[in-house]
Amino acid sequence: MLEDAPLSFDGGGGGRSLLIAGPPMTGKYDLMLRLLAETGERGVVITTGDSADQIRADYAAVADCDPASVGVVDCVSKQRGGDLVEDELVRYASSPKNVTDIGMKFTDLYEVFRETDQTVGVGVHTLSELLMYLDPQDVYQFVRVLTRQVESEGWSTVAVINSTMHDERTLHTMYEPFDTVINTREEDGSREMRVRNRQTAATAWTTF
């Protein structure tokens, strides 16, 4: 159903931003990966929950690419301890609490990928983890800067938020920096989505 939805970018990128919002277990992460694979020739993911290795494996399975070609800002592995091996496309931020460090690590990768002259899809999984530690306005400012930086290259951003973890005021604060919001839900055992942006009303719920 993705090809029929009025998303804010096409398969060739286009410098747009999209937020996927829904309850747990409604396919948000899988949908993010599919959209990233469609919108860019390469992928970069800021992960606040899973390790770089896991993100790379999941993205590569969807995009049919070499896991080593996926860029990752890993915000969790330093806290968990163990050996951390940075390569050209992996950076380890200190924790999900430090958006300044996350932003610096992303900028490192941003500069690397700029040199490839390829379109890039940038994922953030998830904003909810950042909001566990930070004020919504701090997360808002981080997202605002990130999406503008990404869009300046004609790339696209796809972020994820757990809608049941936050009040309506926080959710609407997080919606504001994005061109388009996809809501997800589970209905009668099927995953459904609807799409809305600044110019149009929400679409009907459709299975994906």
N, C-alpha and C. Protein backbone atom coordinates (compact mmCIF):
# COMPACT_ATOMS: atom_id res chain seq x y z
N MET A 1 0.81 -1.21 0.00
CA MET A 1 0.00 0.00 0.00
C MET A 1 0.85 1.27 0.00
N LEU A 2 2.15 1.15 0.26
CA LEU A 2 2.98 2.34 0.39
C LEU A 2 3.00 3.17 -0.88
N GLU A 3 3.02 2.48 -2.03
CA GLU A 3 3.11 3.22 -3.29
C GLU A 3 1.86 4.04 -3.57
N ASP A 4 0.73 3.70 -2.92
CA ASP A 4 -0.51 4.42 -3.14
C ASP A 4 -0.73 5.55 -2.13
N ALA A 5 0.06 5.57 -1.07
CA ALA A 5 -0.15 6.55 -0.01
C ALA A 5 0.49 7.89 -0.38
N PRO A 6 -0.14 9.00 0.02
CA PRO A 6 0.39 10.33 -0.31
C PRO A 6 1.53 10.73 0.61
N LEU A 7 2.62 9.98 0.55
CA LEU A 7 3.77 10.28 1.39
C LEU A 7 4.47 11.52 0.87
N SER A 8 5.31 12.10 1.73
CA SER A 8 5.88 13.40 1.40
C SER A 8 7.18 13.29 0.63
N PHE A 9 7.57 12.08 0.23
CA PHE A 9 8.73 11.95 -0.63
C PHE A 9 8.51 10.79 -1.57
N ASP A 10 9.28 10.75 -2.65
CA ASP A 10 9.16 9.65 -3.60
C ASP A 10 10.37 8.75 -3.48
N GLY A 11 10.46 7.75 -4.32
CA GLY A 11 11.54 6.79 -4.22
C GLY A 11 12.91 7.37 -4.48
N GLY A 12 12.98 8.59 -5.00
CA GLY A 12 14.27 9.19 -5.27
C GLY A 12 14.73 10.18 -4.23
N GLY A 13 14.12 10.16 -3.05
CA GLY A 13 14.52 11.10 -2.01
C GLY A 13 13.63 12.32 -2.07
N GLY A 14 14.21 13.49 -2.03
CA GLY A 14 13.42 14.70 -2.17
C GLY A 14 13.47 15.63 -0.97
N GLY A 15 14.22 15.28 0.06
CA GLY A 15 14.38 16.21 1.16
C GLY A 15 13.13 16.45 1.94
N ARG A 16 12.50 15.42 2.48
CA ARG A 16 11.30 15.56 3.27
C ARG A 16 11.45 14.79 4.59
N SER A 17 10.50 15.03 5.49
CA SER A 17 10.58 14.39 6.81
C SER A 17 9.25 13.76 7.17
N LEU A 18 9.31 12.62 7.84
CA LEU A 18 8.12 11.84 8.13
C LEU A 18 8.25 11.20 9.51
N LEU A 19 7.17 11.25 10.28
CA LEU A 19 7.13 10.63 11.60
C LEU A 19 6.10 9.53 11.61
N ILE A 20 6.50 8.34 12.09
CA ILE A 20 5.59 7.21 12.24
C ILE A 20 5.21 7.11 13.72
N ALA A 21 3.92 7.24 14.01
CA ALA A 21 3.44 7.26 15.39
C ALA A 21 2.38 6.19 15.58
N GLY A 22 2.54 5.38 16.63
CA GLY A 22 1.55 4.35 16.90
C GLY A 22 1.87 3.59 18.16
N PRO A 23 0.95 2.74 18.61
CA PRO A 23 1.18 1.90 19.79
C PRO A 23 2.26 0.85 19.51
N PRO A 24 2.73 0.16 20.56
CA PRO A 24 3.69 -0.93 20.35
C PRO A 24 3.09 -2.03 19.48
N MET A 25 3.97 -2.75 18.80
CA MET A 25 3.59 -3.93 18.02
C MET A 25 2.65 -3.61 16.86
N THR A 26 2.77 -2.42 16.29
CA THR A 26 1.92 -2.07 15.14
C THR A 26 2.75 -1.85 13.88
N GLY A 27 4.00 -2.32 13.87
CA GLY A 27 4.80 -2.32 12.65
C GLY A 27 5.58 -1.05 12.36
N LYS A 28 5.75 -0.19 13.37
CA LYS A 28 6.42 1.10 13.14
C LYS A 28 7.86 0.91 12.67
N TYR A 29 8.60 0.02 13.33
CA TYR A 29 10.01 -0.18 13.00
C TYR A 29 10.16 -0.76 11.59
N ASP A 30 9.38 -1.78 11.28
CA ASP A 30 9.43 -2.37 9.94
C ASP A 30 9.07 -1.34 8.88
N LEU A 31 8.06 -0.53 9.15
CA LEU A 31 7.65 0.50 8.20
C LEU A 31 8.75 1.53 8.00
N MET A 32 9.42 1.92 9.08
CA MET A 32 10.54 2.86 8.97
C MET A 32 11.62 2.31 8.04
N LEU A 33 11.98 1.05 8.23
CA LEU A 33 13.03 0.44 7.40
C LEU A 33 12.60 0.40 5.94
N ARG A 34 11.35 0.05 5.69
CA ARG A 34 10.86 -0.01 4.30
C ARG A 34 10.91 1.36 3.63
N LEU A 35 10.50 2.38 4.37
CA LEU A 35 10.50 3.73 3.81
C LEU A 35 11.92 4.24 3.58
N LEU A 36 12.82 3.94 4.52
CA LEU A 36 14.22 4.35 4.33
C LEU A 36 14.82 3.69 3.09
N ALA A 37 14.52 2.41 2.92
CA ALA A 37 15.06 1.68 1.76
C ALA A 37 14.51 2.24 0.46
N GLU A 38 13.26 2.74 0.49
CA GLU A 38 12.65 3.28 -0.72
C GLU A 38 13.12 4.69 -1.04
N THR A 39 13.40 5.47 0.00
CA THR A 39 13.67 6.89 -0.23
C THR A 39 15.13 7.19 -0.51
N GLY A 40 16.04 6.29 -0.15
CA GLY A 40 17.45 6.58 -0.35
C GLY A 40 18.23 5.41 -0.90
N GLU A 41 19.32 5.74 -1.59
CA GLU A 41 20.22 4.68 -2.05
C GLU A 41 21.05 4.12 -0.91
N ARG A 42 21.22 4.92 0.15
CA ARG A 42 21.95 4.49 1.34
C ARG A 42 21.12 4.81 2.57
N GLY A 43 21.46 4.20 3.69
CA GLY A 43 20.72 4.43 4.92
C GLY A 43 21.62 4.75 6.09
N VAL A 44 21.15 5.66 6.95
CA VAL A 44 21.79 5.98 8.23
C VAL A 44 20.70 5.94 9.29
N VAL A 45 20.94 5.24 10.40
CA VAL A 45 19.94 5.14 11.46
C VAL A 45 20.55 5.58 12.79
N ILE A 46 19.86 6.48 13.47
CA ILE A 46 20.18 6.81 14.86
C ILE A 46 19.35 5.89 15.73
N THR A 47 20.00 5.02 16.47
CA THR A 47 19.28 4.02 17.26
C THR A 47 19.43 4.28 18.75
N THR A 48 18.29 4.35 19.43
CA THR A 48 18.30 4.58 20.88
C THR A 48 17.91 3.33 21.65
N GLY A 49 17.75 2.20 20.94
CA GLY A 49 17.32 0.98 21.62
C GLY A 49 18.08 -0.26 21.24
N ASP A 50 18.43 -0.41 19.95
CA ASP A 50 19.11 -1.61 19.46
C ASP A 50 20.56 -1.30 19.11
N SER A 51 21.37 -2.35 19.10
CA SER A 51 22.79 -2.19 18.77
C SER A 51 22.99 -1.90 17.29
N ALA A 52 24.16 -1.40 16.96
CA ALA A 52 24.50 -1.12 15.56
C ALA A 52 24.41 -2.39 14.73
N ASP A 53 24.90 -3.50 15.25
CA ASP A 53 24.86 -4.76 14.49
C ASP A 53 23.43 -5.17 14.15
N GLN A 54 22.52 -5.01 15.13
CA GLN A 54 21.13 -5.39 14.91
C GLN A 54 20.47 -4.49 13.86
N ILE A 55 20.71 -3.20 13.99
CA ILE A 55 20.13 -2.25 13.03
C ILE A 55 20.64 -2.53 11.63
N ARG A 56 21.93 -2.77 11.51
CA ARG A 56 22.51 -3.04 10.20
C ARG A 56 21.90 -4.29 9.57
N ALA A 57 21.77 -5.33 10.37
CA ALA A 57 21.21 -6.58 9.85
C ALA A 57 19.76 -6.39 9.41
N ASP A 58 18.98 -5.68 10.21
CA ASP A 58 17.56 -5.46 9.88
C ASP A 58 17.41 -4.60 8.63
N TYR A 59 18.18 -3.54 8.54
CA TYR A 59 18.09 -2.66 7.38
C TYR A 59 18.53 -3.40 6.12
N ALA A 60 19.63 -4.13 6.22
CA ALA A 60 20.16 -4.84 5.05
C ALA A 60 19.17 -5.88 4.53
N ALA A 61 18.42 -6.52 5.45
CA ALA A 61 17.44 -7.53 5.03
C ALA A 61 16.31 -6.89 4.22
N VAL A 62 15.94 -5.67 4.57
CA VAL A 62 14.86 -4.98 3.86
C VAL A 62 15.36 -4.36 2.56
N ALA A 63 16.55 -3.75 2.62
CA ALA A 63 17.07 -3.02 1.46
C ALA A 63 17.89 -3.89 0.52
N ASP A 64 18.14 -5.14 0.91
CA ASP A 64 18.95 -6.06 0.10
C ASP A 64 20.31 -5.43 -0.22
N CYS A 65 21.02 -5.08 0.85
CA CYS A 65 22.32 -4.45 0.69
C CYS A 65 23.31 -5.06 1.69
N ASP A 66 24.55 -4.67 1.58
CA ASP A 66 25.60 -5.12 2.49
C ASP A 66 25.39 -4.42 3.84
N PRO A 67 25.30 -5.16 4.96
CA PRO A 67 25.13 -4.51 6.26
C PRO A 67 26.22 -3.48 6.55
N ALA A 68 27.42 -3.73 6.06
CA ALA A 68 28.53 -2.81 6.32
C ALA A 68 28.37 -1.47 5.62
N SER A 69 27.41 -1.38 4.70
CA SER A 69 27.18 -0.12 3.98
C SER A 69 26.22 0.81 4.71
N VAL A 70 25.64 0.32 5.82
CA VAL A 70 24.63 1.08 6.57
C VAL A 70 25.32 1.89 7.66
N GLY A 71 25.01 3.18 7.71
CA GLY A 71 25.56 4.03 8.77
C GLY A 71 24.69 3.97 10.01
N VAL A 72 25.33 3.96 11.19
CA VAL A 72 24.57 3.88 12.45
C VAL A 72 25.21 4.80 13.50
N VAL A 73 24.36 5.58 14.16
CA VAL A 73 24.75 6.22 15.41
C VAL A 73 24.11 5.41 16.53
N ASP A 74 24.92 4.65 17.24
CA ASP A 74 24.48 3.72 18.28
C ASP A 74 24.52 4.46 19.62
N CYS A 75 23.34 4.69 20.22
CA CYS A 75 23.25 5.45 21.47
C CYS A 75 23.11 4.56 22.70
N VAL A 76 23.23 3.25 22.55
CA VAL A 76 22.96 2.34 23.67
C VAL A 76 24.14 1.48 24.08
N SER A 77 25.02 1.13 23.15
CA SER A 77 26.04 0.12 23.43
C SER A 77 27.09 0.59 24.43
N LYS A 78 27.40 1.88 24.46
CA LYS A 78 28.37 2.38 25.44
C LYS A 78 27.87 2.18 26.85
N GLN A 79 26.55 2.38 27.06
CA GLN A 79 25.97 2.19 28.39
C GLN A 79 26.00 0.73 28.81
N ARG A 80 25.87 -0.17 27.82
CA ARG A 80 25.82 -1.60 28.13
C ARG A 80 27.19 -2.19 28.37
N GLY A 81 28.24 -1.48 27.98
CA GLY A 81 29.59 -1.98 28.17
C GLY A 81 30.01 -2.95 27.07
N GLY A 82 31.19 -3.52 27.21
CA GLY A 82 31.70 -4.45 26.21
C GLY A 82 32.59 -3.73 25.20
N ASP A 83 33.13 -4.49 24.28
CA ASP A 83 34.02 -3.94 23.28
C ASP A 83 33.22 -3.23 22.19
N LEU A 84 33.60 -2.02 21.90
CA LEU A 84 32.96 -1.24 20.85
C LEU A 84 33.96 -1.01 19.73
N VAL A 85 33.60 -1.43 18.54
CA VAL A 85 34.49 -1.31 17.40
C VAL A 85 33.88 -0.34 16.40
N GLU A 86 34.45 0.87 16.33
CA GLU A 86 33.97 1.83 15.35
C GLU A 86 34.59 1.53 14.00
N ASP A 87 33.76 1.57 12.96
CA ASP A 87 34.32 1.54 11.62
C ASP A 87 33.94 2.85 10.94
N GLU A 88 34.14 2.95 9.66
CA GLU A 88 33.92 4.22 8.98
C GLU A 88 32.48 4.70 9.09
N LEU A 89 31.54 3.75 9.27
CA LEU A 89 30.13 4.11 9.24
C LEU A 89 29.38 3.84 10.55
N VAL A 90 30.09 3.60 11.65
CA VAL A 90 29.45 3.42 12.96
C VAL A 90 30.05 4.40 13.95
N ARG A 91 29.16 5.08 14.67
CA ARG A 91 29.59 5.98 15.74
C ARG A 91 28.81 5.63 17.00
N TYR A 92 29.47 5.72 18.15
CA TYR A 92 28.83 5.40 19.43
C TYR A 92 28.65 6.67 20.26
N ALA A 93 27.40 7.07 20.45
CA ALA A 93 27.11 8.19 21.34
C ALA A 93 27.10 7.70 22.77
N SER A 94 27.28 8.63 23.71
CA SER A 94 27.43 8.23 25.10
C SER A 94 26.17 7.62 25.69
N SER A 95 24.99 8.16 25.31
CA SER A 95 23.71 7.65 25.82
C SER A 95 22.57 8.39 25.13
N PRO A 96 21.35 7.88 25.26
CA PRO A 96 20.20 8.61 24.70
C PRO A 96 19.92 9.92 25.42
N LYS A 97 20.59 10.16 26.55
CA LYS A 97 20.36 11.39 27.31
C LYS A 97 21.10 12.59 26.71
N ASN A 98 22.08 12.33 25.86
CA ASN A 98 22.98 13.39 25.40
C ASN A 98 22.75 13.68 23.93
N VAL A 99 21.78 14.55 23.63
CA VAL A 99 21.48 14.83 22.23
C VAL A 99 22.58 15.65 21.56
N THR A 100 23.35 16.37 22.36
CA THR A 100 24.49 17.10 21.78
C THR A 100 25.50 16.12 21.21
N ASP A 101 25.82 15.08 21.97
CA ASP A 101 26.75 14.06 21.50
C ASP A 101 26.17 13.29 20.31
N ILE A 102 24.88 12.97 20.39
CA ILE A 102 24.22 12.27 19.28
C ILE A 102 24.31 13.11 18.01
N GLY A 103 24.04 14.40 18.14
CA GLY A 103 24.11 15.28 16.99
C GLY A 103 25.50 15.37 16.40
N MET A 104 26.52 15.39 17.25
CA MET A 104 27.91 15.44 16.77
C MET A 104 28.28 14.15 16.04
N LYS A 105 27.86 13.01 16.60
CA LYS A 105 28.16 11.73 15.94
C LYS A 105 27.45 11.63 14.60
N PHE A 106 26.20 12.12 14.56
CA PHE A 106 25.49 12.09 13.28
C PHE A 106 26.18 12.99 12.26
N THR A 107 26.62 14.15 12.68
CA THR A 107 27.30 15.06 11.76
C THR A 107 28.55 14.41 11.18
N ASP A 108 29.27 13.63 11.99
CA ASP A 108 30.43 12.87 11.47
C ASP A 108 30.01 12.01 10.28
N LEU A 109 28.92 11.24 10.46
CA LEU A 109 28.45 10.37 9.38
C LEU A 109 27.87 11.17 8.22
N TYR A 110 27.20 12.24 8.54
CA TYR A 110 26.64 13.12 7.51
C TYR A 110 27.73 13.57 6.55
N GLU A 111 28.88 13.95 7.09
CA GLU A 111 29.99 14.40 6.24
C GLU A 111 30.54 13.25 5.39
N VAL A 112 30.58 12.04 5.97
CA VAL A 112 31.05 10.88 5.21
C VAL A 112 30.11 10.58 4.04
N PHE A 113 28.81 10.58 4.30
CA PHE A 113 27.84 10.23 3.27
C PHE A 113 27.69 11.33 2.22
N ARG A 114 27.94 12.56 2.60
CA ARG A 114 27.91 13.65 1.60
C ARG A 114 28.91 13.38 0.48
N GLU A 115 30.01 12.78 0.84
CA GLU A 115 31.07 12.53 -0.15
C GLU A 115 30.68 11.44 -1.15
N THR A 116 29.67 10.64 -0.84
CA THR A 116 29.29 9.54 -1.73
C THR A 116 28.44 10.02 -2.90
N ASP A 117 27.86 11.20 -2.77
CA ASP A 117 27.00 11.75 -3.83
C ASP A 117 25.81 10.84 -4.13
N GLN A 118 25.29 10.17 -3.07
CA GLN A 118 24.11 9.32 -3.19
C GLN A 118 23.00 9.86 -2.30
N THR A 119 21.74 9.55 -2.65
CA THR A 119 20.64 9.94 -1.77
C THR A 119 20.64 9.06 -0.53
N VAL A 120 20.28 9.64 0.60
CA VAL A 120 20.36 8.95 1.89
C VAL A 120 19.04 9.10 2.63
N GLY A 121 18.55 8.00 3.19
CA GLY A 121 17.43 8.02 4.12
C GLY A 121 17.95 7.94 5.54
N VAL A 122 17.53 8.88 6.38
CA VAL A 122 18.00 8.95 7.77
C VAL A 122 16.87 8.54 8.70
N GLY A 123 17.09 7.50 9.51
CA GLY A 123 16.08 7.02 10.44
C GLY A 123 16.42 7.38 11.88
N VAL A 124 15.38 7.56 12.70
CA VAL A 124 15.55 7.76 14.14
C VAL A 124 14.61 6.79 14.85
N HIS A 125 15.19 5.85 15.57
CA HIS A 125 14.41 4.82 16.26
C HIS A 125 14.91 4.69 17.70
N THR A 126 14.22 5.29 18.68
CA THR A 126 12.98 6.04 18.56
C THR A 126 13.09 7.36 19.32
N LEU A 127 12.16 8.29 19.01
CA LEU A 127 12.09 9.52 19.78
C LEU A 127 11.60 9.26 21.20
N SER A 128 10.82 8.23 21.39
CA SER A 128 10.28 7.94 22.73
C SER A 128 11.39 7.68 23.74
N GLU A 129 12.45 7.03 23.30
CA GLU A 129 13.57 6.77 24.21
C GLU A 129 14.23 8.07 24.63
N LEU A 130 14.38 9.01 23.71
CA LEU A 130 14.93 10.32 24.07
C LEU A 130 14.03 11.03 25.07
N LEU A 131 12.71 10.92 24.87
CA LEU A 131 11.76 11.61 25.72
C LEU A 131 11.68 11.01 27.13
N MET A 132 12.21 9.82 27.31
CA MET A 132 12.28 9.24 28.65
C MET A 132 13.26 10.01 29.53
N TYR A 133 14.23 10.65 28.91
CA TYR A 133 15.29 11.33 29.66
C TYR A 133 15.27 12.85 29.52
N LEU A 134 14.65 13.35 28.46
CA LEU A 134 14.79 14.76 28.11
C LEU A 134 13.44 15.47 28.05
N ASP A 135 13.48 16.77 28.24
CA ASP A 135 12.30 17.60 28.09
C ASP A 135 11.86 17.60 26.62
N PRO A 136 10.55 17.57 26.36
CA PRO A 136 10.08 17.57 24.97
C PRO A 136 10.66 18.72 24.13
N GLN A 137 10.86 19.88 24.72
CA GLN A 137 11.40 21.00 23.95
C GLN A 137 12.84 20.74 23.52
N ASP A 138 13.61 20.03 24.35
CA ASP A 138 14.98 19.69 23.97
C ASP A 138 14.98 18.69 22.82
N VAL A 139 14.08 17.72 22.87
CA VAL A 139 13.98 16.74 21.78
C VAL A 139 13.48 17.43 20.52
N TYR A 140 12.51 18.34 20.69
CA TYR A 140 12.01 19.10 19.55
C TYR A 140 13.13 19.86 18.85
N GLN A 141 13.96 20.53 19.62
CA GLN A 141 15.06 21.30 19.02
C GLN A 141 16.05 20.39 18.31
N PHE A 142 16.33 19.24 18.90
CA PHE A 142 17.23 18.28 18.27
C PHE A 142 16.67 17.82 16.92
N VAL A 143 15.38 17.47 16.92
CA VAL A 143 14.74 17.00 15.68
C VAL A 143 14.71 18.11 14.65
N ARG A 144 14.42 19.31 15.08
CA ARG A 144 14.36 20.45 14.16
C ARG A 144 15.70 20.65 13.44
N VAL A 145 16.77 20.63 14.21
CA VAL A 145 18.10 20.80 13.62
C VAL A 145 18.43 19.63 12.69
N LEU A 146 18.12 18.42 13.15
CA LEU A 146 18.43 17.22 12.36
C LEU A 146 17.70 17.23 11.02
N THR A 147 16.39 17.48 11.04
CA THR A 147 15.64 17.43 9.79
C THR A 147 16.09 18.51 8.82
N ARG A 148 16.44 19.66 9.33
CA ARG A 148 16.93 20.72 8.45
C ARG A 148 18.29 20.36 7.84
N GLN A 149 19.14 19.76 8.66
CA GLN A 149 20.45 19.33 8.16
C GLN A 149 20.30 18.28 7.07
N VAL A 150 19.42 17.32 7.31
CA VAL A 150 19.18 16.25 6.35
C VAL A 150 18.58 16.81 5.06
N GLU A 151 17.59 17.69 5.22
CA GLU A 151 16.91 18.23 4.05
C GLU A 151 17.84 19.11 3.21
N SER A 152 18.84 19.72 3.84
CA SER A 152 19.76 20.59 3.09
C SER A 152 20.51 19.82 2.01
N GLU A 153 20.60 18.49 2.16
CA GLU A 153 21.25 17.66 1.14
C GLU A 153 20.25 17.01 0.19
N GLY A 154 18.96 17.32 0.37
CA GLY A 154 17.94 16.66 -0.44
C GLY A 154 17.65 15.25 0.02
N TRP A 155 18.06 14.91 1.24
CA TRP A 155 17.79 13.60 1.81
C TRP A 155 16.45 13.64 2.58
N SER A 156 16.04 12.48 3.11
CA SER A 156 14.78 12.38 3.85
C SER A 156 15.00 11.78 5.23
N THR A 157 14.14 12.18 6.16
CA THR A 157 14.18 11.67 7.53
C THR A 157 12.90 10.88 7.83
N VAL A 158 13.06 9.72 8.45
CA VAL A 158 11.92 8.93 8.92
C VAL A 158 12.17 8.60 10.39
N ALA A 159 11.33 9.12 11.28
CA ALA A 159 11.47 8.87 12.71
C ALA A 159 10.27 8.09 13.23
N VAL A 160 10.43 7.52 14.42
CA VAL A 160 9.40 6.69 15.04
C VAL A 160 9.13 7.19 16.45
N ILE A 161 7.86 7.16 16.86
CA ILE A 161 7.49 7.49 18.23
C ILE A 161 6.38 6.55 18.69
N ASN A 162 6.43 6.13 19.95
CA ASN A 162 5.39 5.30 20.54
C ASN A 162 4.30 6.21 21.08
N SER A 163 3.16 6.21 20.43
CA SER A 163 2.11 7.18 20.76
C SER A 163 1.48 6.95 22.13
N THR A 164 1.59 5.74 22.67
CA THR A 164 0.94 5.47 23.96
C THR A 164 1.81 5.87 25.15
N MET A 165 3.05 6.27 24.90
CA MET A 165 3.95 6.63 26.00
C MET A 165 3.87 8.11 26.38
N HIS A 166 3.17 8.92 25.57
CA HIS A 166 3.24 10.37 25.76
C HIS A 166 1.85 10.98 25.72
N ASP A 167 1.72 12.14 26.38
CA ASP A 167 0.44 12.84 26.34
C ASP A 167 0.28 13.57 25.01
N GLU A 168 -0.92 14.07 24.77
CA GLU A 168 -1.22 14.70 23.48
C GLU A 168 -0.36 15.93 23.23
N ARG A 169 -0.09 16.68 24.26
CA ARG A 169 0.74 17.88 24.08
C ARG A 169 2.13 17.52 23.60
N THR A 170 2.73 16.50 24.21
CA THR A 170 4.06 16.06 23.79
C THR A 170 4.04 15.53 22.37
N LEU A 171 3.01 14.72 22.06
CA LEU A 171 2.92 14.17 20.71
C LEU A 171 2.83 15.28 19.66
N HIS A 172 2.01 16.28 19.91
CA HIS A 172 1.86 17.35 18.92
C HIS A 172 3.13 18.19 18.81
N THR A 173 3.87 18.30 19.91
CA THR A 173 5.17 18.97 19.83
C THR A 173 6.11 18.20 18.92
N MET A 174 6.08 16.89 19.02
CA MET A 174 6.95 16.05 18.18
C MET A 174 6.47 16.01 16.73
N TYR A 175 5.18 16.16 16.51
CA TYR A 175 4.67 16.16 15.13
C TYR A 175 5.15 17.38 14.36
N GLU A 176 5.31 18.49 15.05
CA GLU A 176 5.46 19.79 14.38
C GLU A 176 6.65 19.87 13.40
N PRO A 177 7.82 19.31 13.69
CA PRO A 177 8.94 19.46 12.75
C PRO A 177 8.80 18.64 11.46
N PHE A 178 7.83 17.73 11.42
CA PHE A 178 7.75 16.80 10.30
C PHE A 178 6.71 17.23 9.27
N ASP A 179 7.01 16.99 8.00
CA ASP A 179 6.08 17.30 6.92
C ASP A 179 4.86 16.39 6.93
N THR A 180 5.09 15.13 7.30
CA THR A 180 4.03 14.11 7.22
C THR A 180 4.06 13.23 8.45
N VAL A 181 2.88 12.81 8.91
CA VAL A 181 2.76 11.86 10.02
C VAL A 181 2.01 10.63 9.52
N ILE A 182 2.58 9.46 9.78
CA ILE A 182 1.87 8.19 9.55
C ILE A 182 1.46 7.64 10.90
N ASN A 183 0.17 7.42 11.09
CA ASN A 183 -0.32 6.74 12.29
C ASN A 183 -0.47 5.25 11.98
N THR A 184 -0.11 4.41 12.93
CA THR A 184 -0.28 2.97 12.77
C THR A 184 -1.17 2.43 13.88
N ARG A 185 -1.82 1.31 13.58
CA ARG A 185 -2.65 0.63 14.57
C ARG A 185 -2.80 -0.82 14.16
N GLU A 186 -3.29 -1.64 15.10
CA GLU A 186 -3.67 -3.01 14.77
C GLU A 186 -5.18 -3.13 14.91
N GLU A 187 -5.82 -3.62 13.88
CA GLU A 187 -7.28 -3.74 13.85
C GLU A 187 -7.65 -5.13 13.34
N ASP A 188 -8.31 -5.92 14.17
CA ASP A 188 -8.74 -7.27 13.80
C ASP A 188 -7.56 -8.11 13.30
N GLY A 189 -6.43 -7.97 13.97
CA GLY A 189 -5.26 -8.78 13.64
C GLY A 189 -4.44 -8.28 12.47
N SER A 190 -4.83 -7.16 11.87
CA SER A 190 -4.09 -6.59 10.74
C SER A 190 -3.48 -5.25 11.12
N ARG A 191 -2.29 -4.99 10.59
CA ARG A 191 -1.66 -3.69 10.80
C ARG A 191 -2.19 -2.70 9.77
N GLU A 192 -2.58 -1.53 10.26
CA GLU A 192 -3.13 -0.51 9.38
C GLU A 192 -2.40 0.81 9.59
N MET A 193 -2.46 1.66 8.56
CA MET A 193 -1.83 2.98 8.64
C MET A 193 -2.73 4.01 7.98
N ARG A 194 -2.54 5.25 8.41
CA ARG A 194 -3.16 6.38 7.71
C ARG A 194 -2.10 7.49 7.63
N VAL A 195 -2.21 8.31 6.61
CA VAL A 195 -1.20 9.32 6.33
C VAL A 195 -1.84 10.70 6.35
N ARG A 196 -1.17 11.65 6.97
CA ARG A 196 -1.66 13.03 6.93
C ARG A 196 -0.48 13.99 6.87
N ASN A 197 -0.66 15.08 6.17
CA ASN A 197 0.36 16.10 6.12
C ASN A 197 -0.26 17.47 6.28
N ARG A 198 0.53 18.51 6.09
CA ARG A 198 0.05 19.87 6.38
C ARG A 198 -1.00 20.35 5.38
N GLN A 199 -1.00 19.78 4.20
CA GLN A 199 -1.89 20.27 3.15
C GLN A 199 -3.19 19.47 3.02
N THR A 200 -3.21 18.21 3.49
CA THR A 200 -4.37 17.37 3.24
C THR A 200 -4.89 16.73 4.52
N ALA A 201 -6.15 16.33 4.47
CA ALA A 201 -6.72 15.60 5.61
C ALA A 201 -6.15 14.19 5.64
N ALA A 202 -6.33 13.53 6.76
CA ALA A 202 -5.81 12.17 6.89
C ALA A 202 -6.50 11.23 5.91
N THR A 203 -5.73 10.29 5.39
CA THR A 203 -6.29 9.27 4.51
C THR A 203 -7.10 8.27 5.34
N ALA A 204 -7.83 7.43 4.65
CA ALA A 204 -8.51 6.32 5.33
C ALA A 204 -7.47 5.32 5.82
N TRP A 205 -7.83 4.54 6.84
CA TRP A 205 -6.94 3.49 7.31
C TRP A 205 -6.82 2.40 6.26
N THR A 206 -5.60 2.01 5.97
CA THR A 206 -5.35 0.94 4.98
C THR A 206 -4.37 -0.06 5.55
N THR A 207 -4.51 -1.30 5.14
CA THR A 207 -3.62 -2.37 5.59
C THR A 207 -2.25 -2.22 4.94
N PHE A 208 -1.20 -2.53 5.70
CA PHE A 208 0.14 -2.52 5.11
C PHE A 208 0.91 -3.74 5.55
